[in-house]
Amino acid sequence: NVIDTELDHGHSLVVADVDGDGNAEIVA
């Protein structure tokens, strides 16, 4: 499932539940 196509030379990526709701967010 493609959720974004606007990174420029993507290199950083981490998945973590940053708001504590049990579902993880993505930082890229």
mmCIF file of all heavy atoms, coordinates in Angstrom:
data_MODEL
# 
_entry.id   MODEL 
# 
loop_
_atom_site.group_PDB 
_atom_site.id 
_atom_site.type_symbol 
_atom_site.label_atom_id 
_atom_site.label_alt_id 
_atom_site.label_comp_id 
_atom_site.label_asym_id 
_atom_site.label_entity_id 
_atom_site.label_seq_id 
_atom_site.pdbx_PDB_ins_code 
_atom_site.Cartn_x 
_atom_site.Cartn_y 
_atom_site.Cartn_z 
_atom_site.occupancy 
_atom_site.B_iso_or_equiv 
_atom_site.pdbx_formal_charge 
_atom_site.auth_seq_id 
_atom_site.auth_comp_id 
_atom_site.auth_asym_id 
_atom_site.auth_atom_id 
_atom_site.pdbx_PDB_model_num 
ATOM 1   N N   . ASN A 1 1  ? 0.855  -1.176 0.000  1.00 0.00 ? 1  ASN A N   1 
ATOM 2   C CA  . ASN A 1 1  ? 0.000  0.000  0.000  1.00 0.00 ? 1  ASN A CA  1 
ATOM 3   C C   . ASN A 1 1  ? 0.899  1.236  0.000  1.00 0.00 ? 1  ASN A C   1 
ATOM 4   O O   . ASN A 1 1  ? 1.559  1.528  0.996  1.00 0.00 ? 1  ASN A O   1 
ATOM 5   C CB  . ASN A 1 1  ? -0.911 -0.010 1.241  1.00 0.00 ? 1  ASN A CB  1 
ATOM 6   C CG  . ASN A 1 1  ? -1.766 1.240  1.361  1.00 0.00 ? 1  ASN A CG  1 
ATOM 7   O OD1 . ASN A 1 1  ? -1.965 1.972  0.388  1.00 0.00 ? 1  ASN A OD1 1 
ATOM 8   N ND2 . ASN A 1 1  ? -2.278 1.489  2.550  1.00 0.00 ? 1  ASN A ND2 1 
ATOM 9   N N   . VAL A 1 2  ? 0.974  1.936  -1.108 1.00 0.00 ? 2  VAL A N   1 
ATOM 10  C CA  . VAL A 1 2  ? 1.806  3.136  -1.213 1.00 0.00 ? 2  VAL A CA  1 
ATOM 11  C C   . VAL A 1 2  ? 1.091  4.295  -0.527 1.00 0.00 ? 2  VAL A C   1 
ATOM 12  O O   . VAL A 1 2  ? -0.016 4.668  -0.925 1.00 0.00 ? 2  VAL A O   1 
ATOM 13  C CB  . VAL A 1 2  ? 2.108  3.479  -2.681 1.00 0.00 ? 2  VAL A CB  1 
ATOM 14  C CG1 . VAL A 1 2  ? 2.849  4.808  -2.776 1.00 0.00 ? 2  VAL A CG1 1 
ATOM 15  C CG2 . VAL A 1 2  ? 2.928  2.365  -3.323 1.00 0.00 ? 2  VAL A CG2 1 
ATOM 16  N N   . ILE A 1 3  ? 1.726  4.891  0.503  1.00 0.00 ? 3  ILE A N   1 
ATOM 17  C CA  . ILE A 1 3  ? 1.083  5.975  1.240  1.00 0.00 ? 3  ILE A CA  1 
ATOM 18  C C   . ILE A 1 3  ? 1.720  7.334  0.970  1.00 0.00 ? 3  ILE A C   1 
ATOM 19  O O   . ILE A 1 3  ? 1.172  8.362  1.370  1.00 0.00 ? 3  ILE A O   1 
ATOM 20  C CB  . ILE A 1 3  ? 1.061  5.693  2.757  1.00 0.00 ? 3  ILE A CB  1 
ATOM 21  C CG1 . ILE A 1 3  ? 2.477  5.679  3.341  1.00 0.00 ? 3  ILE A CG1 1 
ATOM 22  C CG2 . ILE A 1 3  ? 0.344  4.378  3.047  1.00 0.00 ? 3  ILE A CG2 1 
ATOM 23  C CD1 . ILE A 1 3  ? 2.499  5.643  4.864  1.00 0.00 ? 3  ILE A CD1 1 
ATOM 24  N N   . ASP A 1 4  ? 2.867  7.362  0.288  1.00 0.00 ? 4  ASP A N   1 
ATOM 25  C CA  . ASP A 1 4  ? 3.485  8.628  -0.064 1.00 0.00 ? 4  ASP A CA  1 
ATOM 26  C C   . ASP A 1 4  ? 4.444  8.407  -1.224 1.00 0.00 ? 4  ASP A C   1 
ATOM 27  O O   . ASP A 1 4  ? 5.071  7.336  -1.325 1.00 0.00 ? 4  ASP A O   1 
ATOM 28  C CB  . ASP A 1 4  ? 4.237  9.228  1.136  1.00 0.00 ? 4  ASP A CB  1 
ATOM 29  C CG  . ASP A 1 4  ? 4.563  10.712 0.952  1.00 0.00 ? 4  ASP A CG  1 
ATOM 30  O OD1 . ASP A 1 4  ? 4.148  11.297 -0.074 1.00 0.00 ? 4  ASP A OD1 1 
ATOM 31  O OD2 . ASP A 1 4  ? 5.227  11.288 1.832  1.00 0.00 ? 4  ASP A OD2 1 
ATOM 32  N N   . THR A 1 5  ? 4.567  9.405  -2.084 1.00 0.00 ? 5  THR A N   1 
ATOM 33  C CA  . THR A 1 5  ? 5.491  9.332  -3.218 1.00 0.00 ? 5  THR A CA  1 
ATOM 34  C C   . THR A 1 5  ? 6.355  10.591 -3.298 1.00 0.00 ? 5  THR A C   1 
ATOM 35  O O   . THR A 1 5  ? 6.877  10.915 -4.363 1.00 0.00 ? 5  THR A O   1 
ATOM 36  C CB  . THR A 1 5  ? 4.719  9.173  -4.546 1.00 0.00 ? 5  THR A CB  1 
ATOM 37  O OG1 . THR A 1 5  ? 3.834  10.293 -4.724 1.00 0.00 ? 5  THR A OG1 1 
ATOM 38  C CG2 . THR A 1 5  ? 3.923  7.872  -4.565 1.00 0.00 ? 5  THR A CG2 1 
ATOM 39  N N   . GLU A 1 6  ? 6.520  11.301 -2.171 1.00 0.00 ? 6  GLU A N   1 
ATOM 40  C CA  . GLU A 1 6  ? 7.175  12.592 -2.203 1.00 0.00 ? 6  GLU A CA  1 
ATOM 41  C C   . GLU A 1 6  ? 8.458  12.683 -1.376 1.00 0.00 ? 6  GLU A C   1 
ATOM 42  O O   . GLU A 1 6  ? 8.959  13.783 -1.127 1.00 0.00 ? 6  GLU A O   1 
ATOM 43  C CB  . GLU A 1 6  ? 6.198  13.682 -1.752 1.00 0.00 ? 6  GLU A CB  1 
ATOM 44  C CG  . GLU A 1 6  ? 5.000  13.821 -2.680 1.00 0.00 ? 6  GLU A CG  1 
ATOM 45  C CD  . GLU A 1 6  ? 4.052  14.921 -2.256 1.00 0.00 ? 6  GLU A CD  1 
ATOM 46  O OE1 . GLU A 1 6  ? 4.376  15.652 -1.299 1.00 0.00 ? 6  GLU A OE1 1 
ATOM 47  O OE2 . GLU A 1 6  ? 2.974  15.050 -2.866 1.00 0.00 ? 6  GLU A OE2 1 
ATOM 48  N N   . LEU A 1 7  ? 9.001  11.555 -0.943 1.00 0.00 ? 7  LEU A N   1 
ATOM 49  C CA  . LEU A 1 7  ? 10.311 11.619 -0.302 1.00 0.00 ? 7  LEU A CA  1 
ATOM 50  C C   . LEU A 1 7  ? 11.360 12.009 -1.337 1.00 0.00 ? 7  LEU A C   1 
ATOM 51  O O   . LEU A 1 7  ? 11.226 11.696 -2.515 1.00 0.00 ? 7  LEU A O   1 
ATOM 52  C CB  . LEU A 1 7  ? 10.696 10.264 0.308  1.00 0.00 ? 7  LEU A CB  1 
ATOM 53  C CG  . LEU A 1 7  ? 10.020 9.817  1.595  1.00 0.00 ? 7  LEU A CG  1 
ATOM 54  C CD1 . LEU A 1 7  ? 10.716 8.574  2.122  1.00 0.00 ? 7  LEU A CD1 1 
ATOM 55  C CD2 . LEU A 1 7  ? 9.996  10.898 2.645  1.00 0.00 ? 7  LEU A CD2 1 
ATOM 56  N N   . ASP A 1 8  ? 12.410 12.645 -0.878 1.00 0.00 ? 8  ASP A N   1 
ATOM 57  C CA  . ASP A 1 8  ? 13.508 12.999 -1.768 1.00 0.00 ? 8  ASP A CA  1 
ATOM 58  C C   . ASP A 1 8  ? 14.757 12.267 -1.292 1.00 0.00 ? 8  ASP A C   1 
ATOM 59  O O   . ASP A 1 8  ? 15.337 12.607 -0.281 1.00 0.00 ? 8  ASP A O   1 
ATOM 60  C CB  . ASP A 1 8  ? 13.742 14.517 -1.753 1.00 0.00 ? 8  ASP A CB  1 
ATOM 61  C CG  . ASP A 1 8  ? 14.591 14.982 -2.933 1.00 0.00 ? 8  ASP A CG  1 
ATOM 62  O OD1 . ASP A 1 8  ? 15.340 14.142 -3.480 1.00 0.00 ? 8  ASP A OD1 1 
ATOM 63  O OD2 . ASP A 1 8  ? 14.497 16.156 -3.297 1.00 0.00 ? 8  ASP A OD2 1 
ATOM 64  N N   . HIS A 1 9  ? 15.102 11.192 -2.021 1.00 0.00 ? 9  HIS A N   1 
ATOM 65  C CA  . HIS A 1 9  ? 16.258 10.368 -1.644 1.00 0.00 ? 9  HIS A CA  1 
ATOM 66  C C   . HIS A 1 9  ? 16.049 9.787  -0.250 1.00 0.00 ? 9  HIS A C   1 
ATOM 67  O O   . HIS A 1 9  ? 16.843 9.983  0.668  1.00 0.00 ? 9  HIS A O   1 
ATOM 68  C CB  . HIS A 1 9  ? 17.538 11.210 -1.694 1.00 0.00 ? 9  HIS A CB  1 
ATOM 69  C CG  . HIS A 1 9  ? 18.780 10.410 -1.926 1.00 0.00 ? 9  HIS A CG  1 
ATOM 70  N ND1 . HIS A 1 9  ? 19.658 10.093 -0.930 1.00 0.00 ? 9  HIS A ND1 1 
ATOM 71  C CD2 . HIS A 1 9  ? 19.295 9.862  -3.054 1.00 0.00 ? 9  HIS A CD2 1 
ATOM 72  C CE1 . HIS A 1 9  ? 20.671 9.391  -1.416 1.00 0.00 ? 9  HIS A CE1 1 
ATOM 73  N NE2 . HIS A 1 9  ? 20.468 9.241  -2.708 1.00 0.00 ? 9  HIS A NE2 1 
ATOM 74  N N   . GLY A 1 10 ? 14.952 9.034  -0.095 1.00 0.00 ? 10 GLY A N   1 
ATOM 75  C CA  . GLY A 1 10 ? 14.573 8.492  1.211  1.00 0.00 ? 10 GLY A CA  1 
ATOM 76  C C   . GLY A 1 10 ? 15.672 7.672  1.858  1.00 0.00 ? 10 GLY A C   1 
ATOM 77  O O   . GLY A 1 10 ? 16.282 6.814  1.214  1.00 0.00 ? 10 GLY A O   1 
ATOM 78  N N   . HIS A 1 11 ? 15.904 7.931  3.152  1.00 0.00 ? 11 HIS A N   1 
ATOM 79  C CA  . HIS A 1 11 ? 16.992 7.223  3.827  1.00 0.00 ? 11 HIS A CA  1 
ATOM 80  C C   . HIS A 1 11 ? 16.696 6.919  5.297  1.00 0.00 ? 11 HIS A C   1 
ATOM 81  O O   . HIS A 1 11 ? 17.263 5.985  5.849  1.00 0.00 ? 11 HIS A O   1 
ATOM 82  C CB  . HIS A 1 11 ? 18.291 8.023  3.731  1.00 0.00 ? 11 HIS A CB  1 
ATOM 83  C CG  . HIS A 1 11 ? 19.533 7.199  3.868  1.00 0.00 ? 11 HIS A CG  1 
ATOM 84  N ND1 . HIS A 1 11 ? 20.094 6.886  5.089  1.00 0.00 ? 11 HIS A ND1 1 
ATOM 85  C CD2 . HIS A 1 11 ? 20.315 6.614  2.927  1.00 0.00 ? 11 HIS A CD2 1 
ATOM 86  C CE1 . HIS A 1 11 ? 21.181 6.148  4.888  1.00 0.00 ? 11 HIS A CE1 1 
ATOM 87  N NE2 . HIS A 1 11 ? 21.333 5.964  3.582  1.00 0.00 ? 11 HIS A NE2 1 
ATOM 88  N N   . SER A 1 12 ? 15.862 7.717  5.952  1.00 0.00 ? 12 SER A N   1 
ATOM 89  C CA  . SER A 1 12 ? 15.559 7.464  7.359  1.00 0.00 ? 12 SER A CA  1 
ATOM 90  C C   . SER A 1 12 ? 14.149 6.907  7.489  1.00 0.00 ? 12 SER A C   1 
ATOM 91  O O   . SER A 1 12 ? 13.215 7.397  6.852  1.00 0.00 ? 12 SER A O   1 
ATOM 92  C CB  . SER A 1 12 ? 15.689 8.749  8.184  1.00 0.00 ? 12 SER A CB  1 
ATOM 93  O OG  . SER A 1 12 ? 14.852 9.765  7.677  1.00 0.00 ? 12 SER A OG  1 
ATOM 94  N N   . LEU A 1 13 ? 14.002 5.861  8.309  1.00 0.00 ? 13 LEU A N   1 
ATOM 95  C CA  . LEU A 1 13 ? 12.708 5.207  8.465  1.00 0.00 ? 13 LEU A CA  1 
ATOM 96  C C   . LEU A 1 13 ? 12.656 4.520  9.822  1.00 0.00 ? 13 LEU A C   1 
ATOM 97  O O   . LEU A 1 13 ? 13.540 3.741  10.171 1.00 0.00 ? 13 LEU A O   1 
ATOM 98  C CB  . LEU A 1 13 ? 12.505 4.164  7.354  1.00 0.00 ? 13 LEU A CB  1 
ATOM 99  C CG  . LEU A 1 13 ? 11.223 3.346  7.405  1.00 0.00 ? 13 LEU A CG  1 
ATOM 100 C CD1 . LEU A 1 13 ? 10.014 4.227  7.089  1.00 0.00 ? 13 LEU A CD1 1 
ATOM 101 C CD2 . LEU A 1 13 ? 11.284 2.180  6.417  1.00 0.00 ? 13 LEU A CD2 1 
ATOM 102 N N   . VAL A 1 14 ? 11.614 4.822  10.595 1.00 0.00 ? 14 VAL A N   1 
ATOM 103 C CA  . VAL A 1 14 ? 11.407 4.128  11.854 1.00 0.00 ? 14 VAL A CA  1 
ATOM 104 C C   . VAL A 1 14 ? 9.915  4.046  12.119 1.00 0.00 ? 14 VAL A C   1 
ATOM 105 O O   . VAL A 1 14 ? 9.162  4.987  11.849 1.00 0.00 ? 14 VAL A O   1 
ATOM 106 C CB  . VAL A 1 14 ? 12.147 4.830  13.027 1.00 0.00 ? 14 VAL A CB  1 
ATOM 107 C CG1 . VAL A 1 14 ? 11.609 6.229  13.277 1.00 0.00 ? 14 VAL A CG1 1 
ATOM 108 C CG2 . VAL A 1 14 ? 12.069 4.000  14.299 1.00 0.00 ? 14 VAL A CG2 1 
ATOM 109 N N   . VAL A 1 15 ? 9.467  2.898  12.611 1.00 0.00 ? 15 VAL A N   1 
ATOM 110 C CA  . VAL A 1 15 ? 8.065  2.662  12.951 1.00 0.00 ? 15 VAL A CA  1 
ATOM 111 C C   . VAL A 1 15 ? 7.970  2.520  14.464 1.00 0.00 ? 15 VAL A C   1 
ATOM 112 O O   . VAL A 1 15 ? 8.708  1.739  15.068 1.00 0.00 ? 15 VAL A O   1 
ATOM 113 C CB  . VAL A 1 15 ? 7.535  1.398  12.249 1.00 0.00 ? 15 VAL A CB  1 
ATOM 114 C CG1 . VAL A 1 15 ? 6.132  1.057  12.731 1.00 0.00 ? 15 VAL A CG1 1 
ATOM 115 C CG2 . VAL A 1 15 ? 7.540  1.588  10.734 1.00 0.00 ? 15 VAL A CG2 1 
ATOM 116 N N   . ALA A 1 16 ? 7.076  3.284  15.099 1.00 0.00 ? 16 ALA A N   1 
ATOM 117 C CA  . ALA A 1 16 ? 6.919  3.244  16.556 1.00 0.00 ? 16 ALA A CA  1 
ATOM 118 C C   . ALA A 1 16 ? 5.567  3.826  16.937 1.00 0.00 ? 16 ALA A C   1 
ATOM 119 O O   . ALA A 1 16 ? 5.050  4.725  16.259 1.00 0.00 ? 16 ALA A O   1 
ATOM 120 C CB  . ALA A 1 16 ? 8.036  4.030  17.238 1.00 0.00 ? 16 ALA A CB  1 
ATOM 121 N N   . ASP A 1 17 ? 5.000  3.326  18.016 1.00 0.00 ? 17 ASP A N   1 
ATOM 122 C CA  . ASP A 1 17 ? 3.740  3.859  18.541 1.00 0.00 ? 17 ASP A CA  1 
ATOM 123 C C   . ASP A 1 17 ? 4.054  5.077  19.392 1.00 0.00 ? 17 ASP A C   1 
ATOM 124 O O   . ASP A 1 17 ? 4.277  4.975  20.594 1.00 0.00 ? 17 ASP A O   1 
ATOM 125 C CB  . ASP A 1 17 ? 3.026  2.788  19.362 1.00 0.00 ? 17 ASP A CB  1 
ATOM 126 C CG  . ASP A 1 17 ? 1.698  3.267  19.935 1.00 0.00 ? 17 ASP A CG  1 
ATOM 127 O OD1 . ASP A 1 17 ? 1.250  4.373  19.559 1.00 0.00 ? 17 ASP A OD1 1 
ATOM 128 O OD2 . ASP A 1 17 ? 1.123  2.543  20.768 1.00 0.00 ? 17 ASP A OD2 1 
ATOM 129 N N   . VAL A 1 18 ? 4.070  6.260  18.781 1.00 0.00 ? 18 VAL A N   1 
ATOM 130 C CA  . VAL A 1 18 ? 4.492  7.464  19.488 1.00 0.00 ? 18 VAL A CA  1 
ATOM 131 C C   . VAL A 1 18 ? 3.368  8.122  20.277 1.00 0.00 ? 18 VAL A C   1 
ATOM 132 O O   . VAL A 1 18 ? 3.637  8.993  21.112 1.00 0.00 ? 18 VAL A O   1 
ATOM 133 C CB  . VAL A 1 18 ? 5.115  8.491  18.516 1.00 0.00 ? 18 VAL A CB  1 
ATOM 134 C CG1 . VAL A 1 18 ? 6.357  7.917  17.856 1.00 0.00 ? 18 VAL A CG1 1 
ATOM 135 C CG2 . VAL A 1 18 ? 4.105  8.970  17.479 1.00 0.00 ? 18 VAL A CG2 1 
ATOM 136 N N   . ASP A 1 19 ? 2.112  7.746  20.025 1.00 0.00 ? 19 ASP A N   1 
ATOM 137 C CA  . ASP A 1 19 ? 1.023  8.361  20.776 1.00 0.00 ? 19 ASP A CA  1 
ATOM 138 C C   . ASP A 1 19 ? 0.333  7.397  21.737 1.00 0.00 ? 19 ASP A C   1 
ATOM 139 O O   . ASP A 1 19 ? -0.663 7.745  22.369 1.00 0.00 ? 19 ASP A O   1 
ATOM 140 C CB  . ASP A 1 19 ? 0.004  9.013  19.845 1.00 0.00 ? 19 ASP A CB  1 
ATOM 141 C CG  . ASP A 1 19 ? -0.654 8.023  18.886 1.00 0.00 ? 19 ASP A CG  1 
ATOM 142 O OD1 . ASP A 1 19 ? -0.393 6.806  19.005 1.00 0.00 ? 19 ASP A OD1 1 
ATOM 143 O OD2 . ASP A 1 19 ? -1.423 8.479  18.022 1.00 0.00 ? 19 ASP A OD2 1 
ATOM 144 N N   . GLY A 1 20 ? 0.868  6.175  21.846 1.00 0.00 ? 20 GLY A N   1 
ATOM 145 C CA  . GLY A 1 20 ? 0.397  5.249  22.864 1.00 0.00 ? 20 GLY A CA  1 
ATOM 146 C C   . GLY A 1 20 ? -0.986 4.676  22.646 1.00 0.00 ? 20 GLY A C   1 
ATOM 147 O O   . GLY A 1 20 ? -1.614 4.181  23.599 1.00 0.00 ? 20 GLY A O   1 
ATOM 148 N N   . ASP A 1 21 ? -1.486 4.677  21.410 1.00 0.00 ? 21 ASP A N   1 
ATOM 149 C CA  . ASP A 1 21 ? -2.827 4.151  21.167 1.00 0.00 ? 21 ASP A CA  1 
ATOM 150 C C   . ASP A 1 21 ? -2.822 2.691  20.726 1.00 0.00 ? 21 ASP A C   1 
ATOM 151 O O   . ASP A 1 21 ? -3.864 2.132  20.398 1.00 0.00 ? 21 ASP A O   1 
ATOM 152 C CB  . ASP A 1 21 ? -3.557 5.013  20.141 1.00 0.00 ? 21 ASP A CB  1 
ATOM 153 C CG  . ASP A 1 21 ? -2.939 4.936  18.737 1.00 0.00 ? 21 ASP A CG  1 
ATOM 154 O OD1 . ASP A 1 21 ? -1.859 4.318  18.596 1.00 0.00 ? 21 ASP A OD1 1 
ATOM 155 O OD2 . ASP A 1 21 ? -3.526 5.514  17.803 1.00 0.00 ? 21 ASP A OD2 1 
ATOM 156 N N   . GLY A 1 22 ? -1.650 2.068  20.718 1.00 0.00 ? 22 GLY A N   1 
ATOM 157 C CA  . GLY A 1 22 ? -1.551 0.664  20.329 1.00 0.00 ? 22 GLY A CA  1 
ATOM 158 C C   . GLY A 1 22 ? -1.272 0.442  18.861 1.00 0.00 ? 22 GLY A C   1 
ATOM 159 O O   . GLY A 1 22 ? -0.972 -0.685 18.448 1.00 0.00 ? 22 GLY A O   1 
ATOM 160 N N   . ASN A 1 23 ? -1.381 1.490  18.046 1.00 0.00 ? 23 ASN A N   1 
ATOM 161 C CA  . ASN A 1 23 ? -1.087 1.408  16.621 1.00 0.00 ? 23 ASN A CA  1 
ATOM 162 C C   . ASN A 1 23 ? 0.136  2.257  16.303 1.00 0.00 ? 23 ASN A C   1 
ATOM 163 O O   . ASN A 1 23 ? 0.226  3.406  16.735 1.00 0.00 ? 23 ASN A O   1 
ATOM 164 C CB  . ASN A 1 23 ? -2.280 1.895  15.789 1.00 0.00 ? 23 ASN A CB  1 
ATOM 165 C CG  . ASN A 1 23 ? -3.478 0.975  15.908 1.00 0.00 ? 23 ASN A CG  1 
ATOM 166 O OD1 . ASN A 1 23 ? -3.334 -0.241 16.067 1.00 0.00 ? 23 ASN A OD1 1 
ATOM 167 N ND2 . ASN A 1 23 ? -4.669 1.551  15.843 1.00 0.00 ? 23 ASN A ND2 1 
ATOM 168 N N   . ALA A 1 24 ? 1.071  1.694  15.561 1.00 0.00 ? 24 ALA A N   1 
ATOM 169 C CA  . ALA A 1 24 ? 2.338  2.375  15.312 1.00 0.00 ? 24 ALA A CA  1 
ATOM 170 C C   . ALA A 1 24 ? 2.200  3.453  14.236 1.00 0.00 ? 24 ALA A C   1 
ATOM 171 O O   . ALA A 1 24 ? 1.403  3.335  13.305 1.00 0.00 ? 24 ALA A O   1 
ATOM 172 C CB  . ALA A 1 24 ? 3.402  1.370  14.903 1.00 0.00 ? 24 ALA A CB  1 
ATOM 173 N N   . GLU A 1 25 ? 3.001  4.487  14.405 1.00 0.00 ? 25 GLU A N   1 
ATOM 174 C CA  . GLU A 1 25 ? 3.153  5.526  13.399 1.00 0.00 ? 25 GLU A CA  1 
ATOM 175 C C   . GLU A 1 25 ? 4.458  5.298  12.633 1.00 0.00 ? 25 GLU A C   1 
ATOM 176 O O   . GLU A 1 25 ? 5.274  4.463  13.024 1.00 0.00 ? 25 GLU A O   1 
ATOM 177 C CB  . GLU A 1 25 ? 3.161  6.917  14.044 1.00 0.00 ? 25 GLU A CB  1 
ATOM 178 C CG  . GLU A 1 25 ? 1.804  7.417  14.501 1.00 0.00 ? 25 GLU A CG  1 
ATOM 179 C CD  . GLU A 1 25 ? 1.276  6.688  15.723 1.00 0.00 ? 25 GLU A CD  1 
ATOM 180 O OE1 . GLU A 1 25 ? 2.040  6.505  16.690 1.00 0.00 ? 25 GLU A OE1 1 
ATOM 181 O OE2 . GLU A 1 25 ? 0.089  6.274  15.704 1.00 0.00 ? 25 GLU A OE2 1 
ATOM 182 N N   . ILE A 1 26 ? 4.653  6.059  11.565 1.00 0.00 ? 26 ILE A N   1 
ATOM 183 C CA  . ILE A 1 26 ? 5.841  5.952  10.727 1.00 0.00 ? 26 ILE A CA  1 
ATOM 184 C C   . ILE A 1 26 ? 6.522  7.307  10.661 1.00 0.00 ? 26 ILE A C   1 
ATOM 185 O O   . ILE A 1 26 ? 5.863  8.334  10.461 1.00 0.00 ? 26 ILE A O   1 
ATOM 186 C CB  . ILE A 1 26 ? 5.472  5.500  9.292  1.00 0.00 ? 26 ILE A CB  1 
ATOM 187 C CG1 . ILE A 1 26 ? 4.745  4.148  9.317  1.00 0.00 ? 26 ILE A CG1 1 
ATOM 188 C CG2 . ILE A 1 26 ? 6.724  5.423  8.405  1.00 0.00 ? 26 ILE A CG2 1 
ATOM 189 C CD1 . ILE A 1 26 ? 4.079  3.800  7.989  1.00 0.00 ? 26 ILE A CD1 1 
ATOM 190 N N   . VAL A 1 27 ? 7.835  7.326  10.845 1.00 0.00 ? 27 VAL A N   1 
ATOM 191 C CA  . VAL A 1 27 ? 8.639  8.524  10.640 1.00 0.00 ? 27 VAL A CA  1 
ATOM 192 C C   . VAL A 1 27 ? 9.603  8.234  9.493  1.00 0.00 ? 27 VAL A C   1 
ATOM 193 O O   . VAL A 1 27 ? 10.293 7.207  9.508  1.00 0.00 ? 27 VAL A O   1 
ATOM 194 C CB  . VAL A 1 27 ? 9.419  8.917  11.910 1.00 0.00 ? 27 VAL A CB  1 
ATOM 195 C CG1 . VAL A 1 27 ? 10.377 10.079 11.624 1.00 0.00 ? 27 VAL A CG1 1 
ATOM 196 C CG2 . VAL A 1 27 ? 8.459  9.286  13.034 1.00 0.00 ? 27 VAL A CG2 1 
ATOM 197 N N   . ALA A 1 28 ? 9.617  9.117  8.490  1.00 0.00 ? 28 ALA A N   1 
ATOM 198 C CA  . ALA A 1 28 ? 10.483 8.894  7.327  1.00 0.00 ? 28 ALA A CA  1 
ATOM 199 C C   . ALA A 1 28 ? 10.952 10.232 6.784  1.00 0.00 ? 28 ALA A C   1 
ATOM 200 O O   . ALA A 1 28 ? 10.234 11.240 6.854  1.00 0.00 ? 28 ALA A O   1 
ATOM 201 C CB  . ALA A 1 28 ? 9.749  8.119  6.240  1.00 0.00 ? 28 ALA A CB  1 
# 
